[in-house]
C-alpha atoms as a PDB file:
ATOM      1  CA  SER A   1     -34.119  92.185 -19.769  1.00  0.00           C
ATOM      2  CA  PHE A   2     -34.483  88.485 -19.854  1.00  0.00           C
ATOM      3  CA  LEU A   3     -31.432  87.039 -17.603  1.00  0.00           C
ATOM      4  CA  GLU A   4     -32.019  82.944 -18.327  1.00  0.00           C
ATOM      5  CA  PHE A   5     -29.473  80.779 -16.057  1.00  0.00           C
ATOM      6  CA  PRO A   6     -30.180  77.174 -17.907  1.00  0.00           C
ATOM      7  CA  LYS A   7     -28.630  74.433 -15.581  1.00  0.00           C
ATOM      8  CA  LEU A   8     -30.555  75.960 -13.061  1.00  0.00           C
ATOM      9  CA  GLN A   9     -33.728  74.737 -15.861  1.00  0.00           C
ATOM     10  CA  GLN A  10     -35.721  77.639 -14.874  1.00  0.00           C
ATOM     11  CA  GLN A  11     -36.047  82.253 -16.723  1.00  0.00           C
ATOM     12  CA  LEU A  12     -34.872  84.806 -14.624  1.00  0.00           C
ATOM     13  CA  ARG A  13     -36.583  88.375 -16.339  1.00  0.00           C
ATOM     14  CA  ILE A  14     -35.117  91.154 -14.340  1.00  0.00           C
ATOM     15  CA  LEU A  15     -36.568  94.988 -14.813  1.00  0.00           C
ATOM     16  CA  PRO A  16     -33.452  97.415 -14.487  1.00  0.00           C
ATOM     17  CA  ASN A  17     -34.670 100.082 -11.896  1.00  0.00           C
ATOM     18  CA  ARG A  18     -36.418 103.371 -13.836  1.00  0.00           C
ATOM     19  CA  PRO A  19     -37.764 106.148 -12.456  1.00  0.00           C
ATOM     20  CA  LYS A  20     -40.987 104.665 -12.161  1.00  0.00           C
ATOM     21  CA  TYR A  21     -41.930 101.230 -12.262  1.00  0.00           C
ATOM     22  CA  SER A  22     -43.229  99.656 -15.935  1.00  0.00           C
ATOM     23  CA  VAL A  23     -44.684  96.425 -17.572  1.00  0.00           C
ATOM     24  CA  ALA A  24     -42.777  93.312 -18.185  1.00  0.00           C
ATOM     25  CA  GLN A  25     -42.789  93.126 -22.003  1.00  0.00           C
ATOM     26  CA  ASP A  26     -41.465  89.573 -24.083  1.00  0.00           C
ATOM     27  CA  ALA A  27     -38.010  91.319 -25.400  1.00  0.00           C
ATOM     28  CA  ALA A  28     -35.355  89.638 -26.675  1.00  0.00           C
ATOM     29  CA  ARG A  29     -33.412  87.972 -23.894  1.00  0.00           C
ATOM     30  CA  GLN A  30     -29.728  88.726 -23.287  1.00  0.00           C
ATOM     31  CA  HIS A  31     -27.146  86.238 -23.167  1.00  0.00           C
ATOM     32  CA  HIS A  32     -27.554  84.393 -19.630  1.00  0.00           C
ATOM     33  CA  GLN A  33     -23.902  84.991 -19.260  1.00  0.00           C
ATOM     34  CA  GLU A  34     -23.953  88.811 -20.344  1.00  0.00           C
ATOM     35  CA  GLY A  35     -27.424  89.664 -17.601  1.00  0.00           C
ATOM     36  CA  GLU A  36     -25.106  87.523 -14.952  1.00  0.00           C
ATOM     37  CA  GLY A  37     -22.039  89.278 -14.717  1.00  0.00           C
ATOM     38  CA  ALA A  38     -23.985  92.654 -15.210  1.00  0.00           C
ATOM     39  CA  LEU A  39     -26.494  91.145 -12.866  1.00  0.00           C
ATOM     40  CA  MET A  40     -23.353  90.230 -10.228  1.00  0.00           C
ATOM     41  CA  SER A  41     -20.788  93.226 -11.371  1.00  0.00           C
ATOM     42  CA  GLY A  42     -23.563  95.610  -9.403  1.00  0.00           C
ATOM     43  CA  LEU A  43     -24.560  96.868 -13.132  1.00  0.00           C
ATOM     44  CA  LEU A  44     -27.989  95.612 -12.521  1.00  0.00           C
ATOM     45  CA  ARG A  45     -30.875  96.649  -9.665  1.00  0.00           C
ATOM     46  CA  PRO A  46     -33.295  95.111 -10.104  1.00  0.00           C
ATOM     47  CA  ASP A  47     -36.990  96.419  -9.352  1.00  0.00           C
ATOM     48  CA  ILE A  48     -38.771  93.492  -9.925  1.00  0.00           C
ATOM     49  CA  VAL A  49     -37.796  89.584 -10.759  1.00  0.00           C
ATOM     50  CA  PHE A  50     -40.223  86.754 -11.657  1.00  0.00           C
ATOM     51  CA  SER A  51     -39.363  83.661 -11.404  1.00  0.00           C
ATOM     52  CA  SER A  52     -40.385  79.577 -11.881  1.00  0.00           C
ATOM     53  CA  SER A  53     -37.437  78.319  -9.551  1.00  0.00           C
ATOM     54  CA  LEU A  54     -37.798  80.291  -6.019  1.00  0.00           C
ATOM     55  CA  PHE A  55     -35.344  78.799  -4.014  1.00  0.00           C
ATOM     56  CA  ASP A  56     -32.174  79.330  -6.619  1.00  0.00           C
ATOM     57  CA  SER A  57     -33.580  82.401  -7.693  1.00  0.00           C
ATOM     58  CA  LEU A  58     -32.878  83.645  -4.111  1.00  0.00           C
ATOM     59  CA  GLU A  59     -29.721  82.256  -3.836  1.00  0.00           C
ATOM     60  CA  VAL A  60     -28.472  84.123  -6.684  1.00  0.00           C
ATOM     61  CA  LEU A  61     -29.686  87.032  -5.959  1.00  0.00           C
ATOM     62  CA  GLN A  62     -28.455  87.092  -2.207  1.00  0.00           C
ATOM     63  CA  SER A  63     -25.287  86.158  -4.017  1.00  0.00           C
ATOM     64  CA  ALA A  64     -25.015  89.142  -6.014  1.00  0.00           C
ATOM     65  CA  ILE A  65     -26.576  92.009  -3.984  1.00  0.00           C
ATOM     66  CA  SER A  66     -25.093  92.257  -0.612  1.00  0.00           C
ATOM     67  CA  ASP A  67     -26.987  94.626   0.700  1.00  0.00           C
ATOM     68  CA  PRO A  68     -28.242  94.438   4.095  1.00  0.00           C
ATOM     69  CA  ASP A  69     -30.898  96.733   4.010  1.00  0.00           C
ATOM     70  CA  LEU A  70     -32.185  95.028   1.158  1.00  0.00           C
ATOM     71  CA  ARG A  71     -36.130  92.989   1.466  1.00  0.00           C
ATOM     72  CA  MET A  72     -37.889  91.445  -1.355  1.00  0.00           C
ATOM     73  CA  ARG A  73     -41.625  90.753  -0.852  1.00  0.00           C
ATOM     74  CA  LEU A  74     -42.974  87.774  -2.852  1.00  0.00           C
ATOM     75  CA  PHE A  75     -46.537  87.230  -4.447  1.00  0.00           C
ATOM     76  CA  ILE A  76     -47.142  84.131  -6.482  1.00  0.00           C
ATOM     77  CA  MET A  77     -50.164  83.740  -9.199  1.00  0.00           C
ATOM     78  CA  LEU A  78     -51.740  80.265  -9.071  1.00  0.00           C
ATOM     79  CA  ARG A  79     -54.782  77.850 -10.790  1.00  0.00           C
ATOM     80  CA  HIS A  80     -55.814  74.884 -10.489  1.00  0.00           C
ATOM     81  CA  PRO A  81     -52.946  71.792 -10.685  1.00  0.00           C
ATOM     82  CA  VAL A  82     -54.705  69.964 -12.804  1.00  0.00           C
ATOM     83  CA  GLU A  83     -56.075  73.151 -15.680  1.00  0.00           C
ATOM     84  CA  ARG A  84     -51.194  73.863 -15.201  1.00  0.00           C
ATOM     85  CA  SER A  85     -50.453  70.068 -15.573  1.00  0.00           C
ATOM     86  CA  GLU A  86     -53.563  70.348 -18.750  1.00  0.00           C
ATOM     87  CA  SER A  87     -52.024  73.359 -20.158  1.00  0.00           C
ATOM     88  CA  ILE A  88     -48.147  71.796 -20.418  1.00  0.00           C
ATOM     89  CA  PHE A  89     -49.912  68.931 -21.873  1.00  0.00           C
ATOM     90  CA  GLN A  90     -51.450  70.871 -25.310  1.00  0.00           C
ATOM     91  CA  TYR A  91     -47.987  73.343 -25.283  1.00  0.00           C
ATOM     92  CA  LEU A  92     -46.126  69.666 -25.100  1.00  0.00           C
ATOM     93  CA  ILE A  93     -48.610  68.723 -27.696  1.00  0.00           C
ATOM     94  CA  ARG A  94     -49.099  71.707 -29.989  1.00  0.00           C
ATOM     95  CA  ALA A  95     -45.380  73.728 -29.665  1.00  0.00           C
ATOM     96  CA  THR A  96     -44.062  72.866 -33.332  1.00  0.00           C
ATOM     97  CA  TRP A  97     -41.549  75.844 -33.110  1.00  0.00           C
ATOM     98  CA  GLU A  98     -40.080  74.776 -30.533  1.00  0.00           C
ATOM     99  CA  PRO A  99     -36.265  73.523 -31.397  1.00  0.00           C
ATOM    100  CA  THR A 100     -37.223  70.738 -28.508  1.00  0.00           C
ATOM    101  CA  PHE A 101     -40.408  69.576 -29.707  1.00  0.00           C
ATOM    102  CA  PHE A 102     -39.826  66.143 -30.647  1.00  0.00           C
ATOM    103  CA  PRO A 103     -42.595  64.871 -33.572  1.00  0.00           C
ATOM    104  CA  ALA A 104     -44.000  61.935 -31.383  1.00  0.00           C
ATOM    105  CA  LEU A 105     -45.153  64.614 -28.832  1.00  0.00           C
ATOM    106  CA  ALA A 106     -47.679  65.686 -30.726  1.00  0.00           C
ATOM    107  CA  GLY A 107     -49.414  61.840 -31.478  1.00  0.00           C
ATOM    108  CA  MET A 108     -49.530  60.572 -27.349  1.00  0.00           C
ATOM    109  CA  THR A 109     -51.741  61.032 -24.594  1.00  0.00           C
ATOM    110  CA  ARG A 110     -52.017  62.116 -21.468  1.00  0.00           C
ATOM    111  CA  HIS A 111     -51.667  59.119 -20.323  1.00  0.00           C
ATOM    112  CA  ASP A 112     -48.757  58.423 -22.331  1.00  0.00           C
ATOM    113  CA  VAL A 113     -46.839  61.812 -21.338  1.00  0.00           C
ATOM    114  CA  ILE A 114     -47.827  61.110 -17.940  1.00  0.00           C
ATOM    115  CA  HIS A 115     -46.581  57.304 -18.357  1.00  0.00           C
ATOM    116  CA  HIS A 116     -43.387  58.560 -19.900  1.00  0.00           C
ATOM    117  CA  GLY A 117     -42.494  60.475 -17.331  1.00  0.00           C
ATOM    118  CA  ILE A 118     -42.964  64.102 -19.354  1.00  0.00           C
ATOM    119  CA  LEU A 119     -45.625  65.439 -17.307  1.00  0.00           C
ATOM    120  CA  ASP A 120     -43.775  66.563 -13.780  1.00  0.00           C
ATOM    121  CA  ASP A 121     -45.767  65.772 -10.315  1.00  0.00           C
ATOM    122  CA  ASN A 122     -46.521  67.872  -7.071  1.00  0.00           C
ATOM    123  CA  TRP A 123     -44.847  70.807  -8.784  1.00  0.00           C
ATOM    124  CA  LEU A 124     -46.327  73.756  -6.815  1.00  0.00           C
ATOM    125  CA  THR A 125     -45.408  71.382  -3.949  1.00  0.00           C
ATOM    126  CA  ARG A 126     -42.223  70.558  -5.038  1.00  0.00           C
ATOM    127  CA  THR A 127     -40.905  74.029  -5.497  1.00  0.00           C
ATOM    128  CA  LEU A 128     -41.838  75.162  -2.803  1.00  0.00           C
ATOM    129  CA  THR A 129     -40.340  72.689  -0.782  1.00  0.00           C
ATOM    130  CA  ASN A 130     -36.957  72.764  -2.580  1.00  0.00           C
ATOM    131  CA  SER A 131     -37.822  69.439  -3.246  1.00  0.00           C
ATOM    132  CA  ASP A 132     -36.804  67.469  -6.668  1.00  0.00           C
ATOM    133  CA  ILE A 133     -38.762  64.230  -8.805  1.00  0.00           C
ATOM    134  CA  SER A 134     -36.201  61.763  -6.511  1.00  0.00           C
ATOM    135  CA  VAL A 135     -37.711  62.684  -3.198  1.00  0.00           C
ATOM    136  CA  GLU A 136     -41.256  60.893  -2.375  1.00  0.00           C
ATOM    137  CA  LEU A 137     -43.512  63.507  -1.595  1.00  0.00           C
ATOM    138  CA  THR A 138     -45.739  63.489   2.437  1.00  0.00           C
ATOM    139  CA  SER A 139     -47.203  65.396   4.289  1.00  0.00           C
ATOM    140  CA  ASN A 140     -45.527  66.788   5.633  1.00  0.00           C
ATOM    141  CA  HIS A 141     -44.114  68.754   2.401  1.00  0.00           C
ATOM    142  CA  VAL A 142     -47.882  69.902   1.644  1.00  0.00           C
ATOM    143  CA  GLU A 143     -47.318  71.340   5.282  1.00  0.00           C
ATOM    144  CA  GLN A 144     -44.306  72.877   4.294  1.00  0.00           C
ATOM    145  CA  ALA A 145     -45.649  74.480   1.313  1.00  0.00           C
ATOM    146  CA  THR A 146     -48.409  75.670   3.049  1.00  0.00           C
ATOM    147  CA  LYS A 147     -46.148  76.996   6.179  1.00  0.00           C
ATOM    148  CA  ILE A 148     -44.374  79.164   3.378  1.00  0.00           C
ATOM    149  CA  LEU A 149     -47.301  80.362   1.647  1.00  0.00           C
ATOM    150  CA  ARG A 150     -49.024  81.843   4.222  1.00  0.00           C
ATOM    151  CA  SER A 151     -45.912  83.470   5.520  1.00  0.00           C
ATOM    152  CA  LYS A 152     -43.360  84.633   2.974  1.00  0.00           C
ATOM    153  CA  PHE A 153     -46.874  85.356  -0.012  1.00  0.00           C
ATOM    154  CA  LEU A 154     -48.763  87.524  -0.937  1.00  0.00           C
ATOM    155  CA  ILE A 155     -52.082  85.161  -2.327  1.00  0.00           C
ATOM    156  CA  GLY A 156     -53.041  85.568  -6.104  1.00  0.00           C
ATOM    157  CA  LEU A 157     -55.598  83.120  -8.153  1.00  0.00           C
ATOM    158  CA  SER A 158     -55.881  83.090 -11.705  1.00  0.00           C
ATOM    159  CA  TYR A 159     -59.706  82.317 -11.316  1.00  0.00           C
ATOM    160  CA  ASN A 160     -60.122  85.894  -9.213  1.00  0.00           C
ATOM    161  CA  ILE A 161     -57.232  87.407 -11.328  1.00  0.00           C
ATOM    162  CA  GLU A 162     -59.222  90.712 -10.931  1.00  0.00           C
ATOM    163  CA  GLU A 163     -59.051  91.051  -6.650  1.00  0.00           C
ATOM    164  CA  SER A 164     -55.759  89.225  -6.699  1.00  0.00           C
ATOM    165  CA  TRP A 165     -54.464  92.326  -9.289  1.00  0.00           C
ATOM    166  CA  LEU A 166     -55.728  94.892  -6.697  1.00  0.00           C
ATOM    167  CA  ARG A 167     -54.138  93.646  -4.150  1.00  0.00           C
ATOM    168  CA  ILE A 168     -50.914  92.767  -5.414  1.00  0.00           C
ATOM    169  CA  ARG A 169     -51.371  96.723  -6.931  1.00  0.00           C
ATOM    170  CA  ASP A 170     -52.009  98.247  -3.479  1.00  0.00           C
ATOM    171  CA  ALA A 171     -49.240  95.744  -1.758  1.00  0.00           C
ATOM    172  CA  PHE A 172     -46.648  96.895  -3.500  1.00  0.00           C
ATOM    173  CA  GLY A 173     -48.327 100.500  -4.236  1.00  0.00           C
ATOM    174  CA  TRP A 174     -47.555 100.389  -8.003  1.00  0.00           C
ATOM    175  CA  ARG A 175     -50.553 102.777  -8.579  1.00  0.00           C
ATOM    176  CA  ASP A 176     -52.315 102.443 -11.967  1.00  0.00           C
ATOM    177  CA  ASP A 177     -55.462 105.702 -11.559  1.00  0.00           C
ATOM    178  CA  THR A 178     -54.011 107.383 -14.580  1.00  0.00           C
ATOM    179  CA  GLY A 179     -53.107 107.353 -17.296  1.00  0.00           C
ATOM    180  CA  GLU A 180     -51.478 104.476 -19.729  1.00  0.00           C
ATOM    181  CA  SER A 181     -50.743 102.984 -16.610  1.00  0.00           C
ATOM    182  CA  HIS A 182     -54.738 102.826 -15.883  1.00  0.00           C
ATOM    183  CA  LEU A 183     -55.944 101.630 -18.605  1.00  0.00           C
ATOM    184  CA  CYS A 184     -52.855  99.348 -18.633  1.00  0.00           C
ATOM    185  CA  SER A 185     -54.198  97.111 -15.763  1.00  0.00           C
ATOM    186  CA  GLU A 186     -56.885  97.333 -16.909  1.00  0.00           C
ATOM    187  CA  ASN A 187     -56.253  95.581 -20.354  1.00  0.00           C
ATOM    188  CA  MET A 188     -54.148  93.194 -18.098  1.00  0.00           C
ATOM    189  CA  VAL A 189     -57.057  92.251 -15.657  1.00  0.00           C
ATOM    190  CA  TRP A 190     -59.438  91.544 -19.106  1.00  0.00           C
ATOM    191  CA  LYS A 191     -56.938  89.879 -20.943  1.00  0.00           C
ATOM    192  CA  VAL A 192     -56.109  87.576 -18.318  1.00  0.00           C
ATOM    193  CA  SER A 193     -59.853  86.765 -17.455  1.00  0.00           C
ATOM    194  CA  LYS A 194     -60.695  86.615 -21.096  1.00  0.00           C
ATOM    195  CA  GLU A 195     -58.263  83.631 -21.751  1.00  0.00           C
ATOM    196  CA  TYR A 196     -59.186  82.183 -18.811  1.00  0.00           C
ATOM    197  CA  ALA A 197     -62.579  82.329 -19.191  1.00  0.00           C
ATOM    198  CA  SER A 198     -62.107  80.762 -22.816  1.00  0.00           C
ATOM    199  CA  VAL A 199     -60.485  77.840 -21.740  1.00  0.00           C
ATOM    200  CA  SER A 200     -61.997  76.720 -19.227  1.00  0.00           C
ATOM    201  CA  ALA A 201     -65.285  77.087 -21.561  1.00  0.00           C
ATOM    202  CA  ASP A 202     -63.259  75.715 -24.445  1.00  0.00           C
ATOM    203  CA  SER A 203     -64.012  71.369 -24.446  1.00  0.00           C
ATOM    204  CA  LYS A 204     -60.617  70.964 -26.622  1.00  0.00           C
ATOM    205  CA  TYR A 205     -58.280  72.420 -24.430  1.00  0.00           C
ATOM    206  CA  GLY A 206     -60.401  72.859 -21.621  1.00  0.00           C
ATOM    207  CA  LEU A 207     -61.537  69.548 -19.057  1.00  0.00           C
ATOM    208  CA  GLU A 208     -64.740  69.117 -17.273  1.00  0.00           C
ATOM    209  CA  GLN A 209     -63.792  68.941 -13.669  1.00  0.00           C
ATOM    210  CA  GLY A 210     -64.461  64.932 -12.559  1.00  0.00           C
ATOM    211  CA  SER A 211     -63.583  64.054 -16.519  1.00  0.00           C
ATOM    212  CA  VAL A 212     -62.067  61.102 -16.808  1.00  0.00           C
ATOM    213  CA  GLU A 213     -58.860  62.790 -17.675  1.00  0.00           C
ATOM    214  CA  TRP A 214     -59.439  65.363 -14.528  1.00  0.00           C
ATOM    215  CA  GLN A 215     -59.348  62.786 -12.749  1.00  0.00           C
ATOM    216  CA  LEU A 216     -55.951  61.542 -14.301  1.00  0.00           C
ATOM    217  CA  LEU A 217     -54.116  64.319 -14.061  1.00  0.00           C
ATOM    218  CA  GLU A 218     -55.460  64.881 -10.871  1.00  0.00           C
ATOM    219  CA  SER A 219     -54.026  61.810  -9.767  1.00  0.00           C
ATOM    220  CA  ILE A 220     -50.171  63.161 -10.621  1.00  0.00           C
ATOM    221  CA  ASN A 221     -51.006  65.446  -8.476  1.00  0.00           C
ATOM    222  CA  THR A 222     -52.675  65.240  -4.943  1.00  0.00           C
ATOM    223  CA  PHE A 223     -50.259  67.014  -3.284  1.00  0.00           C
ATOM    224  CA  ASP A 224     -50.841  70.105  -5.284  1.00  0.00           C
ATOM    225  CA  VAL A 225     -54.449  70.160  -5.149  1.00  0.00           C
ATOM    226  CA  GLN A 226     -54.389  70.241  -1.463  1.00  0.00           C
ATOM    227  CA  VAL A 227     -51.417  72.892  -1.289  1.00  0.00           C
ATOM    228  CA  TYR A 228     -53.830  74.635  -3.552  1.00  0.00           C
ATOM    229  CA  ASN A 229     -57.015  73.621  -1.753  1.00  0.00           C
ATOM    230  CA  ASN A 230     -54.774  76.018   1.257  1.00  0.00           C
ATOM    231  CA  ALA A 231     -53.379  78.543  -0.648  1.00  0.00           C
ATOM    232  CA  ILE A 232     -57.664  79.239  -1.193  1.00  0.00           C
ATOM    233  CA  GLU A 233     -58.709  79.583   2.236  1.00  0.00           C
ATOM    234  CA  ILE A 234     -54.734  81.218   2.289  1.00  0.00           C
ATOM    235  CA  PHE A 235     -56.241  84.185   0.125  1.00  0.00           C
ATOM    236  CA  LYS A 236     -59.584  84.703   1.709  1.00  0.00           C
ATOM    237  CA  GLU A 237     -57.212  84.777   4.744  1.00  0.00           C
ATOM    238  CA  GLN A 238     -55.464  87.697   3.833  1.00  0.00           C
ATOM    239  CA  ARG A 239     -58.696  89.527   2.829  1.00  0.00           C
ATOM    240  CA  VAL A 240     -58.053  91.548   5.784  1.00  0.00           C
ATOM    241  CA  PHE A 241     -55.194  93.284   4.927  1.00  0.00           C
ATOM    242  CA  PHE A 242     -57.044  95.068   2.121  1.00  0.00           C
ATOM    243  CA  GLN A 243     -60.237  96.373   3.541  1.00  0.00           C
ATOM    244  CA  LYS A 244     -60.771 100.030   3.579  1.00  0.00           C
END
């Protein structure tokens, strides 16, 4: 089920308790007040929460669930900041089905979108340090974001989805070695790997690293690139926890 908080400009998806965990599927969205009310009243006790806003989501959950014994563990899937910005750009100029779509976006270039402030900058750094767009980022934010990733998160990388998923699965005890769960796991890894390879290889949607377009998007994500490179090193460091 979905819990949506428009004021937070993010979506909180919650899987209710079940005898066995299940893979989240896109489903009809519940009205956010109905979902939030169920959470606040204790009718929902989430097993898994998906969110794009770390601090806001944790604040909501902390207010709703007062169990002192409850401990949440965090994992994060990351892709290169330039690839993320390019993906958003392609979505903005093509998402004609969205009610908020503005026709003029269809003819905009990357430079136009950046110039008009439509494309966000350094999203990862701002999210991890709880810094909105009014905050001027510095190297201290990179250090803080990196510290949070290292101390709080199990890191996953989209370009290495197979190893990332195996780590997440093992860390959270999500066994997928039999039957339907194994098939679902394999399909998920295959799908993400295929999509990542397709986007990277497709000159129509992908960007060549070092190209003018790549450098343009990189210029608005300089802090995120540093945090991402640090995350790659953390990913390597965490490998020791999964050696058998």
